[in-house]
Amino acid sequence: MALNNRLKEYRARIGVNQQELGSMVHVSRQTISLIERGDYSPSVTLALKLAKVFDAKVEDLFTYVDDGKGESENE
């Protein structure tokens, strides 16, 4: 499964860097970087915190893309 995101775009809109955004949602700059690169999928709680910072819906920030490699339906 792939989780695409528009975090960098939204971060630029409010004029904050990764460190500042991380501080706003209580995670490290590295976590923000990993999310932006698509190397880390945030928890539901973190996704909701990020959406709140941007006054957006989680769906505005993150999009699930089925790449055919996801977990089976029985798991």
PDB file of N, CA and C in Angstrom:
ATOM      1  N   MET A   1       0.836  -1.181   0.000  1.00  0.00           N
ATOM      2  CA  MET A   1       0.000   0.000   0.000  1.00  0.00           C
ATOM      3  C   MET A   1       0.877   1.239   0.000  1.00  0.00           C
ATOM      4  N   ALA A   2       0.394   2.263  -0.609  1.00  0.00           N
ATOM      5  CA  ALA A   2       1.126   3.520  -0.658  1.00  0.00           C
ATOM      6  C   ALA A   2       0.239   4.633  -0.126  1.00  0.00           C
ATOM      7  N   LEU A   3       0.848   5.509   0.625  1.00  0.00           N
ATOM      8  CA  LEU A   3       0.129   6.652   1.159  1.00  0.00           C
ATOM      9  C   LEU A   3       0.795   7.908   0.600  1.00  0.00           C
ATOM     10  N   ASN A   4       0.150   8.514  -0.373  1.00  0.00           N
ATOM     11  CA  ASN A   4       0.670   9.759  -0.932  1.00  0.00           C
ATOM     12  C   ASN A   4       0.271  10.904  -0.024  1.00  0.00           C
ATOM     13  N   ASN A   5       1.085  11.952  -0.017  1.00  0.00           N
ATOM     14  CA  ASN A   5       0.734  13.085   0.831  1.00  0.00           C
ATOM     15  C   ASN A   5       1.095  14.406   0.174  1.00  0.00           C
ATOM     16  N   ARG A   6       0.473  15.455   0.665  1.00  0.00           N
ATOM     17  CA  ARG A   6       0.707  16.817   0.189  1.00  0.00           C
ATOM     18  C   ARG A   6       1.244  17.676   1.333  1.00  0.00           C
ATOM     19  N   LEU A   7       1.926  17.014   2.269  1.00  0.00           N
ATOM     20  CA  LEU A   7       2.392  17.690   3.473  1.00  0.00           C
ATOM     21  C   LEU A   7       3.337  18.848   3.156  1.00  0.00           C
ATOM     22  N   LYS A   8       4.279  18.627   2.267  1.00  0.00           N
ATOM     23  CA  LYS A   8       5.244  19.678   1.924  1.00  0.00           C
ATOM     24  C   LYS A   8       4.529  20.899   1.335  1.00  0.00           C
ATOM     25  N   GLU A   9       3.556  20.633   0.478  1.00  0.00           N
ATOM     26  CA  GLU A   9       2.776  21.720  -0.135  1.00  0.00           C
ATOM     27  C   GLU A   9       2.028  22.528   0.925  1.00  0.00           C
ATOM     28  N   TYR A  10       1.371  21.839   1.830  1.00  0.00           N
ATOM     29  CA  TYR A  10       0.622  22.520   2.886  1.00  0.00           C
ATOM     30  C   TYR A  10       1.567  23.242   3.852  1.00  0.00           C
ATOM     31  N   ARG A  11       2.712  22.642   4.112  1.00  0.00           N
ATOM     32  CA  ARG A  11       3.697  23.272   5.000  1.00  0.00           C
ATOM     33  C   ARG A  11       4.190  24.587   4.389  1.00  0.00           C
ATOM     34  N   ALA A  12       4.424  24.577   3.082  1.00  0.00           N
ATOM     35  CA  ALA A  12       4.868  25.788   2.389  1.00  0.00           C
ATOM     36  C   ALA A  12       3.798  26.880   2.438  1.00  0.00           C
ATOM     37  N   ARG A  13       2.543  26.475   2.370  1.00  0.00           N
ATOM     38  CA  ARG A  13       1.435  27.445   2.403  1.00  0.00           C
ATOM     39  C   ARG A  13       1.429  28.270   3.686  1.00  0.00           C
ATOM     40  N   ILE A  14       1.790  27.626   4.804  1.00  0.00           N
ATOM     41  CA  ILE A  14       1.776  28.376   6.065  1.00  0.00           C
ATOM     42  C   ILE A  14       3.168  28.882   6.441  1.00  0.00           C
ATOM     43  N   GLY A  15       4.146  28.588   5.613  1.00  0.00           N
ATOM     44  CA  GLY A  15       5.478  29.162   5.787  1.00  0.00           C
ATOM     45  C   GLY A  15       6.264  28.638   6.972  1.00  0.00           C
ATOM     46  N   VAL A  16       6.185  27.330   7.216  1.00  0.00           N
ATOM     47  CA  VAL A  16       6.968  26.747   8.300  1.00  0.00           C
ATOM     48  C   VAL A  16       7.922  25.691   7.747  1.00  0.00           C
ATOM     49  N   ASN A  17       9.024  25.506   8.434  1.00  0.00           N
ATOM     50  CA  ASN A  17       9.947  24.449   8.027  1.00  0.00           C
ATOM     51  C   ASN A  17       9.593  23.150   8.745  1.00  0.00           C
ATOM     52  N   GLN A  18      10.332  22.093   8.426  1.00  0.00           N
ATOM     53  CA  GLN A  18      10.031  20.789   9.017  1.00  0.00           C
ATOM     54  C   GLN A  18      10.174  20.797  10.539  1.00  0.00           C
ATOM     55  N   GLN A  19      11.187  21.485  11.030  1.00  0.00           N
ATOM     56  CA  GLN A  19      11.404  21.563  12.477  1.00  0.00           C
ATOM     57  C   GLN A  19      10.221  22.241  13.172  1.00  0.00           C
ATOM     58  N   GLU A  20       9.771  23.350  12.607  1.00  0.00           N
ATOM     59  CA  GLU A  20       8.649  24.089  13.200  1.00  0.00           C
ATOM     60  C   GLU A  20       7.369  23.265  13.176  1.00  0.00           C
ATOM     61  N   LEU A  21       7.107  22.589  12.055  1.00  0.00           N
ATOM     62  CA  LEU A  21       5.910  21.757  11.973  1.00  0.00           C
ATOM     63  C   LEU A  21       5.993  20.604  12.967  1.00  0.00           C
ATOM     64  N   GLY A  22       7.153  20.000  13.059  1.00  0.00           N
ATOM     65  CA  GLY A  22       7.343  18.927  14.036  1.00  0.00           C
ATOM     66  C   GLY A  22       7.043  19.395  15.453  1.00  0.00           C
ATOM     67  N   SER A  23       7.517  20.575  15.793  1.00  0.00           N
ATOM     68  CA  SER A  23       7.251  21.130  17.129  1.00  0.00           C
ATOM     69  C   SER A  23       5.763  21.358  17.350  1.00  0.00           C
ATOM     70  N   MET A  24       5.075  21.777  16.307  1.00  0.00           N
ATOM     71  CA  MET A  24       3.643  22.058  16.427  1.00  0.00           C
ATOM     72  C   MET A  24       2.826  20.800  16.724  1.00  0.00           C
ATOM     73  N   VAL A  25       3.308  19.636  16.235  1.00  0.00           N
ATOM     74  CA  VAL A  25       2.555  18.391  16.433  1.00  0.00           C
ATOM     75  C   VAL A  25       3.312  17.406  17.329  1.00  0.00           C
ATOM     76  N   HIS A  26       4.372  17.894  17.951  1.00  0.00           N
ATOM     77  CA  HIS A  26       5.137  17.130  18.952  1.00  0.00           C
ATOM     78  C   HIS A  26       5.819  15.886  18.395  1.00  0.00           C
ATOM     79  N   VAL A  27       6.434  16.035  17.208  1.00  0.00           N
ATOM     80  CA  VAL A  27       7.286  14.987  16.650  1.00  0.00           C
ATOM     81  C   VAL A  27       8.581  15.641  16.174  1.00  0.00           C
ATOM     82  N   SER A  28       9.538  14.836  15.805  1.00  0.00           N
ATOM     83  CA  SER A  28      10.825  15.361  15.359  1.00  0.00           C
ATOM     84  C   SER A  28      10.772  15.850  13.909  1.00  0.00           C
ATOM     85  N   ARG A  29      11.753  16.655  13.551  1.00  0.00           N
ATOM     86  CA  ARG A  29      11.906  17.084  12.166  1.00  0.00           C
ATOM     87  C   ARG A  29      12.078  15.870  11.268  1.00  0.00           C
ATOM     88  N   GLN A  30      12.788  14.868  11.764  1.00  0.00           N
ATOM     89  CA  GLN A  30      13.035  13.658  10.992  1.00  0.00           C
ATOM     90  C   GLN A  30      11.729  12.937  10.656  1.00  0.00           C
ATOM     91  N   THR A  31      10.797  12.917  11.601  1.00  0.00           N
ATOM     92  CA  THR A  31       9.496  12.276  11.351  1.00  0.00           C
ATOM     93  C   THR A  31       8.751  13.000  10.242  1.00  0.00           C
ATOM     94  N   ILE A  32       8.759  14.324  10.286  1.00  0.00           N
ATOM     95  CA  ILE A  32       8.108  15.111   9.220  1.00  0.00           C
ATOM     96  C   ILE A  32       8.768  14.810   7.884  1.00  0.00           C
ATOM     97  N   SER A  33      10.082  14.760   7.852  1.00  0.00           N
ATOM     98  CA  SER A  33      10.810  14.452   6.624  1.00  0.00           C
ATOM     99  C   SER A  33      10.442  13.075   6.085  1.00  0.00           C
ATOM    100  N   LEU A  34      10.388  12.085   6.965  1.00  0.00           N
ATOM    101  CA  LEU A  34      10.033  10.723   6.544  1.00  0.00           C
ATOM    102  C   LEU A  34       8.621  10.659   5.969  1.00  0.00           C
ATOM    103  N   ILE A  35       7.694  11.371   6.593  1.00  0.00           N
ATOM    104  CA  ILE A  35       6.324  11.401   6.089  1.00  0.00           C
ATOM    105  C   ILE A  35       6.294  12.049   4.712  1.00  0.00           C
ATOM    106  N   GLU A  36       6.950  13.188   4.570  1.00  0.00           N
ATOM    107  CA  GLU A  36       6.962  13.895   3.286  1.00  0.00           C
ATOM    108  C   GLU A  36       7.555  13.045   2.170  1.00  0.00           C
ATOM    109  N   ARG A  37       8.573  12.271   2.477  1.00  0.00           N
ATOM    110  CA  ARG A  37       9.221  11.404   1.478  1.00  0.00           C
ATOM    111  C   ARG A  37       8.412  10.150   1.185  1.00  0.00           C
ATOM    112  N   GLY A  38       7.406   9.874   2.019  1.00  0.00           N
ATOM    113  CA  GLY A  38       6.612   8.674   1.829  1.00  0.00           C
ATOM    114  C   GLY A  38       7.232   7.435   2.443  1.00  0.00           C
ATOM    115  N   ASP A  39       8.218   7.621   3.303  1.00  0.00           N
ATOM    116  CA  ASP A  39       8.903   6.504   3.946  1.00  0.00           C
ATOM    117  C   ASP A  39       8.278   6.122   5.279  1.00  0.00           C
ATOM    118  N   TYR A  40       7.294   6.880   5.718  1.00  0.00           N
ATOM    119  CA  TYR A  40       6.652   6.620   7.006  1.00  0.00           C
ATOM    120  C   TYR A  40       5.197   7.043   6.914  1.00  0.00           C
ATOM    121  N   SER A  41       4.308   6.182   7.366  1.00  0.00           N
ATOM    122  CA  SER A  41       2.884   6.514   7.412  1.00  0.00           C
ATOM    123  C   SER A  41       2.539   6.935   8.834  1.00  0.00           C
ATOM    124  N   PRO A  42       1.993   8.121   8.995  1.00  0.00           N
ATOM    125  CA  PRO A  42       1.690   8.603  10.346  1.00  0.00           C
ATOM    126  C   PRO A  42       0.541   7.832  10.979  1.00  0.00           C
ATOM    127  N   SER A  43       0.510   7.837  12.290  1.00  0.00           N
ATOM    128  CA  SER A  43      -0.631   7.269  13.010  1.00  0.00           C
ATOM    129  C   SER A  43      -1.860   8.124  12.718  1.00  0.00           C
ATOM    130  N   VAL A  44      -3.010   7.585  13.031  1.00  0.00           N
ATOM    131  CA  VAL A  44      -4.252   8.343  12.863  1.00  0.00           C
ATOM    132  C   VAL A  44      -4.192   9.612  13.696  1.00  0.00           C
ATOM    133  N   THR A  45      -3.692   9.499  14.915  1.00  0.00           N
ATOM    134  CA  THR A  45      -3.599  10.668  15.799  1.00  0.00           C
ATOM    135  C   THR A  45      -2.717  11.745  15.188  1.00  0.00           C
ATOM    136  N   LEU A  46      -1.553  11.352  14.666  1.00  0.00           N
ATOM    137  CA  LEU A  46      -0.657  12.331  14.058  1.00  0.00           C
ATOM    138  C   LEU A  46      -1.268  12.930  12.798  1.00  0.00           C
ATOM    139  N   ALA A  47      -1.917  12.120  11.985  1.00  0.00           N
ATOM    140  CA  ALA A  47      -2.570  12.639  10.779  1.00  0.00           C
ATOM    141  C   ALA A  47      -3.638  13.671  11.144  1.00  0.00           C
ATOM    142  N   LEU A  48      -4.394  13.390  12.209  1.00  0.00           N
ATOM    143  CA  LEU A  48      -5.412  14.343  12.657  1.00  0.00           C
ATOM    144  C   LEU A  48      -4.789  15.630  13.184  1.00  0.00           C
ATOM    145  N   LYS A  49      -3.684  15.527  13.916  1.00  0.00           N
ATOM    146  CA  LYS A  49      -2.987  16.721  14.413  1.00  0.00           C
ATOM    147  C   LYS A  49      -2.484  17.572  13.254  1.00  0.00           C
ATOM    148  N   LEU A  50      -1.910  16.916  12.245  1.00  0.00           N
ATOM    149  CA  LEU A  50      -1.409  17.646  11.079  1.00  0.00           C
ATOM    150  C   LEU A  50      -2.550  18.349  10.354  1.00  0.00           C
ATOM    151  N   ALA A  51      -3.650  17.651  10.173  1.00  0.00           N
ATOM    152  CA  ALA A  51      -4.803  18.262   9.508  1.00  0.00           C
ATOM    153  C   ALA A  51      -5.296  19.477  10.276  1.00  0.00           C
ATOM    154  N   LYS A  52      -5.300  19.387  11.594  1.00  0.00           N
ATOM    155  CA  LYS A  52      -5.754  20.504  12.419  1.00  0.00           C
ATOM    156  C   LYS A  52      -4.847  21.724  12.254  1.00  0.00           C
ATOM    157  N   VAL A  53      -3.533  21.492  12.199  1.00  0.00           N
ATOM    158  CA  VAL A  53      -2.582  22.587  12.004  1.00  0.00           C
ATOM    159  C   VAL A  53      -2.881  23.341  10.714  1.00  0.00           C
ATOM    160  N   PHE A  54      -3.224  22.593   9.667  1.00  0.00           N
ATOM    161  CA  PHE A  54      -3.470  23.198   8.358  1.00  0.00           C
ATOM    162  C   PHE A  54      -4.931  23.576   8.137  1.00  0.00           C
ATOM    163  N   ASP A  55      -5.781  23.354   9.144  1.00  0.00           N
ATOM    164  CA  ASP A  55      -7.215  23.599   9.006  1.00  0.00           C
ATOM    165  C   ASP A  55      -7.743  22.903   7.757  1.00  0.00           C
ATOM    166  N   ALA A  56      -7.383  21.627   7.648  1.00  0.00           N
ATOM    167  CA  ALA A  56      -7.746  20.824   6.485  1.00  0.00           C
ATOM    168  C   ALA A  56      -8.289  19.480   6.962  1.00  0.00           C
ATOM    169  N   LYS A  57      -8.803  18.713   6.036  1.00  0.00           N
ATOM    170  CA  LYS A  57      -9.228  17.351   6.324  1.00  0.00           C
ATOM    171  C   LYS A  57      -8.037  16.423   6.112  1.00  0.00           C
ATOM    172  N   VAL A  58      -8.024  15.323   6.832  1.00  0.00           N
ATOM    173  CA  VAL A  58      -6.967  14.327   6.641  1.00  0.00           C
ATOM    174  C   VAL A  58      -6.904  13.914   5.168  1.00  0.00           C
ATOM    175  N   GLU A  59      -8.065  13.780   4.554  1.00  0.00           N
ATOM    176  CA  GLU A  59      -8.131  13.383   3.147  1.00  0.00           C
ATOM    177  C   GLU A  59      -7.513  14.415   2.207  1.00  0.00           C
ATOM    178  N   ASP A  60      -7.428  15.664   2.653  1.00  0.00           N
ATOM    179  CA  ASP A  60      -6.764  16.689   1.850  1.00  0.00           C
ATOM    180  C   ASP A  60      -5.252  16.497   1.868  1.00  0.00           C
ATOM    181  N   LEU A  61      -4.750  15.973   2.968  1.00  0.00           N
ATOM    182  CA  LEU A  61      -3.303  15.785   3.135  1.00  0.00           C
ATOM    183  C   LEU A  61      -2.804  14.435   2.643  1.00  0.00           C
ATOM    184  N   PHE A  62      -3.602  13.394   2.869  1.00  0.00           N
ATOM    185  CA  PHE A  62      -3.154  12.036   2.590  1.00  0.00           C
ATOM    186  C   PHE A  62      -4.123  11.320   1.662  1.00  0.00           C
ATOM    187  N   THR A  63      -3.560  10.583   0.714  1.00  0.00           N
ATOM    188  CA  THR A  63      -4.350   9.807  -0.227  1.00  0.00           C
ATOM    189  C   THR A  63      -3.809   8.388  -0.268  1.00  0.00           C
ATOM    190  N   TYR A  64      -4.689   7.418  -0.041  1.00  0.00           N
ATOM    191  CA  TYR A  64      -4.303   6.011  -0.112  1.00  0.00           C
ATOM    192  C   TYR A  64      -4.326   5.551  -1.557  1.00  0.00           C
ATOM    193  N   VAL A  65      -3.250   4.902  -1.983  1.00  0.00           N
ATOM    194  CA  VAL A  65      -3.154   4.363  -3.336  1.00  0.00           C
ATOM    195  C   VAL A  65      -2.865   2.876  -3.218  1.00  0.00           C
ATOM    196  N   ASP A  66      -3.741   2.057  -3.753  1.00  0.00           N
ATOM    197  CA  ASP A  66      -3.544   0.605  -3.713  1.00  0.00           C
ATOM    198  C   ASP A  66      -2.546   0.222  -4.797  1.00  0.00           C
ATOM    199  N   ASP A  67      -1.377  -0.233  -4.361  1.00  0.00           N
ATOM    200  CA  ASP A  67      -0.342  -0.618  -5.311  1.00  0.00           C
ATOM    201  C   ASP A  67      -0.316  -2.128  -5.566  1.00  0.00           C
ATOM    202  N   GLY A  68      -1.310  -2.846  -5.041  1.00  0.00           N
ATOM    203  CA  GLY A  68      -1.384  -4.277  -5.247  1.00  0.00           C
ATOM    204  C   GLY A  68      -0.487  -5.090  -4.334  1.00  0.00           C
ATOM    205  N   LYS A  69       0.261  -4.425  -3.455  1.00  0.00           N
ATOM    206  CA  LYS A  69       1.199  -5.105  -2.564  1.00  0.00           C
ATOM    207  C   LYS A  69       0.740  -5.070  -1.116  1.00  0.00           C
ATOM    208  N   GLY A  70      -0.482  -4.608  -0.884  1.00  0.00           N
ATOM    209  CA  GLY A  70      -0.984  -4.445   0.481  1.00  0.00           C
ATOM    210  C   GLY A  70      -1.270  -5.762   1.155  1.00  0.00           C
ATOM    211  N   GLU A  71      -1.736  -5.653   2.383  1.00  0.00           N
ATOM    212  CA  GLU A  71      -2.084  -6.834   3.161  1.00  0.00           C
ATOM    213  C   GLU A  71      -3.294  -7.511   2.557  1.00  0.00           C
ATOM    214  N   SER A  72      -3.397  -8.810   2.751  1.00  0.00           N
ATOM    215  CA  SER A  72      -4.569  -9.509   2.245  1.00  0.00           C
ATOM    216  C   SER A  72      -5.789  -9.130   3.074  1.00  0.00           C
ATOM    217  N   GLU A  73      -6.956  -9.334   2.527  1.00  0.00           N
ATOM    218  CA  GLU A  73      -8.182  -8.957   3.216  1.00  0.00           C
ATOM    219  C   GLU A  73      -8.435  -9.792   4.443  1.00  0.00           C
ATOM    220  N   ASN A  74      -7.816 -10.956   4.558  1.00  0.00           N
ATOM    221  CA  ASN A  74      -8.053 -11.846   5.678  1.00  0.00           C
ATOM    222  C   ASN A  74      -7.180 -11.534   6.884  1.00  0.00           C
ATOM    223  N   GLU A  75      -6.226 -10.647   6.744  1.00  0.00           N
ATOM    224  CA  GLU A  75      -5.322 -10.331   7.861  1.00  0.00           C
ATOM    225  C   GLU A  75      -5.870  -9.264   8.739  1.00  0.00           C
TER     226      GLU A  75
END
